[in-house]
C-alpha atoms as a PDB file:
ATOM      1  CA  MET A   1      67.120 153.894 231.652  1.00  0.00           C
ATOM      2  CA  GLY A   2      69.858 155.250 233.817  1.00  0.00           C
ATOM      3  CA  GLY A   3      69.382 156.958 237.112  1.00  0.00           C
ATOM      4  CA  SER A   4      69.220 156.368 240.788  1.00  0.00           C
ATOM      5  CA  TRP A   5      65.630 156.416 241.968  1.00  0.00           C
ATOM      6  CA  SER A   6      63.926 155.199 245.103  1.00  0.00           C
ATOM      7  CA  TRP A   7      62.011 152.070 244.072  1.00  0.00           C
ATOM      8  CA  ARG A   8      58.969 151.018 246.098  1.00  0.00           C
ATOM      9  CA  LYS A   9      57.347 147.618 246.169  1.00  0.00           C
ATOM     10  CA  GLY A  10      53.595 147.180 246.491  1.00  0.00           C
ATOM     11  CA  SER A  11      52.247 147.217 250.038  1.00  0.00           C
ATOM     12  CA  THR A  12      50.613 143.806 249.522  1.00  0.00           C
ATOM     13  CA  SER A  13      53.890 142.172 248.505  1.00  0.00           C
ATOM     14  CA  THR A  14      55.058 139.473 250.871  1.00  0.00           C
ATOM     15  CA  GLY A  15      58.572 139.233 249.448  1.00  0.00           C
ATOM     16  CA  GLY A  16      60.283 136.012 248.550  1.00  0.00           C
ATOM     17  CA  ASP A  17      59.555 134.597 245.098  1.00  0.00           C
ATOM     18  CA  LYS A  18      56.144 136.238 244.734  1.00  0.00           C
ATOM     19  CA  ASP A  19      55.271 138.137 241.565  1.00  0.00           C
ATOM     20  CA  CYS A  20      55.500 141.830 242.238  1.00  0.00           C
ATOM     21  CA  VAL A  21      56.300 145.111 240.585  1.00  0.00           C
ATOM     22  CA  GLU A  22      58.213 148.092 241.868  1.00  0.00           C
ATOM     23  CA  VAL A  23      57.565 151.724 241.016  1.00  0.00           C
ATOM     24  CA  ALA A  24      59.733 154.822 241.128  1.00  0.00           C
ATOM     25  CA  TRP A  25      58.973 158.514 240.585  1.00  0.00           C
ATOM     26  CA  THR A  26      61.606 160.379 238.539  1.00  0.00           C
ATOM     27  CA  GLY A  27      60.048 163.807 238.871  1.00  0.00           C
ATOM     28  CA  ARG A  28      58.610 163.501 235.365  1.00  0.00           C
ATOM     29  CA  THR A  29      57.513 159.906 234.910  1.00  0.00           C
ATOM     30  CA  VAL A  30      56.454 156.859 236.903  1.00  0.00           C
ATOM     31  CA  LEU A  31      58.712 153.886 236.223  1.00  0.00           C
ATOM     32  CA  VAL A  32      57.589 150.280 236.690  1.00  0.00           C
ATOM     33  CA  ARG A  33      59.784 147.179 236.769  1.00  0.00           C
ATOM     34  CA  ASP A  34      59.594 143.504 237.719  1.00  0.00           C
ATOM     35  CA  SER A  35      60.946 143.078 241.244  1.00  0.00           C
ATOM     36  CA  LYS A  36      62.481 139.714 240.296  1.00  0.00           C
ATOM     37  CA  ASN A  37      64.324 141.197 237.289  1.00  0.00           C
ATOM     38  CA  ARG A  38      65.564 144.564 238.515  1.00  0.00           C
ATOM     39  CA  PRO A  39      68.139 145.117 235.749  1.00  0.00           C
ATOM     40  CA  GLY A  40      65.534 144.143 233.129  1.00  0.00           C
ATOM     41  CA  PRO A  41      63.091 146.290 231.177  1.00  0.00           C
ATOM     42  CA  VAL A  42      61.398 149.332 232.695  1.00  0.00           C
ATOM     43  CA  VAL A  43      58.070 150.794 231.570  1.00  0.00           C
ATOM     44  CA  ALA A  44      57.579 154.558 231.876  1.00  0.00           C
ATOM     45  CA  PHE A  45      54.187 156.215 232.368  1.00  0.00           C
ATOM     46  CA  THR A  46      53.219 159.860 232.307  1.00  0.00           C
ATOM     47  CA  PRO A  47      51.622 160.949 235.582  1.00  0.00           C
ATOM     48  CA  ALA A  48      48.212 161.179 233.859  1.00  0.00           C
ATOM     49  CA  ALA A  49      48.499 157.678 232.389  1.00  0.00           C
ATOM     50  CA  TRP A  50      49.564 156.269 235.777  1.00  0.00           C
ATOM     51  CA  GLU A  51      46.619 157.915 237.532  1.00  0.00           C
ATOM     52  CA  GLY A  52      44.298 156.465 234.888  1.00  0.00           C
ATOM     53  CA  PHE A  53      45.772 153.006 235.398  1.00  0.00           C
ATOM     54  CA  LEU A  54      45.404 153.222 239.177  1.00  0.00           C
ATOM     55  CA  GLY A  55      41.825 154.416 238.817  1.00  0.00           C
ATOM     56  CA  THR A  56      41.005 151.447 236.599  1.00  0.00           C
ATOM     57  CA  VAL A  57      42.497 148.776 238.838  1.00  0.00           C
ATOM     58  CA  SER A  58      41.134 150.287 242.049  1.00  0.00           C
ATOM     59  CA  ASP A  59      37.601 150.004 240.632  1.00  0.00           C
ATOM     60  CA  LEU A  60      37.932 146.226 240.217  1.00  0.00           C
ATOM     61  CA  PRO A  61      37.196 143.793 243.044  1.00  0.00           C
ATOM     62  CA  PRO A  62      40.472 142.214 244.269  1.00  0.00           C
ATOM     63  CA  SER A  63      39.449 138.703 243.289  1.00  0.00           C
ATOM     64  CA  GLY A  64      38.300 139.832 239.844  1.00  0.00           C
ATOM     65  CA  ARG A  65      41.489 141.488 238.631  1.00  0.00           C
ATOM     66  CA  THR A  66      42.862 139.956 235.472  1.00  0.00           C
ATOM     67  CA  THR A  67      44.960 141.313 232.641  1.00  0.00           C
ATOM     68  CA  THR A  68      41.950 141.136 230.316  1.00  0.00           C
ATOM     69  CA  ASP A  69      40.124 143.639 232.547  1.00  0.00           C
ATOM     70  CA  LEU A  70      42.746 146.332 231.919  1.00  0.00           C
END
């Protein structure tokens, strides 16, 4: 996916070698990538799908978030 977007890292990221994702808004889609593999794959979400995802994860307690909950 070409383009020059402003990527943002999660506010809870501490930097370094921690696992983290970055997101960017293209004006049409929300892009998500691995912060440790910036040239790697990018996942694109529609705004509605992204809002649904955020709603799902924000309803989970922080200590109870796992990939099987999504």
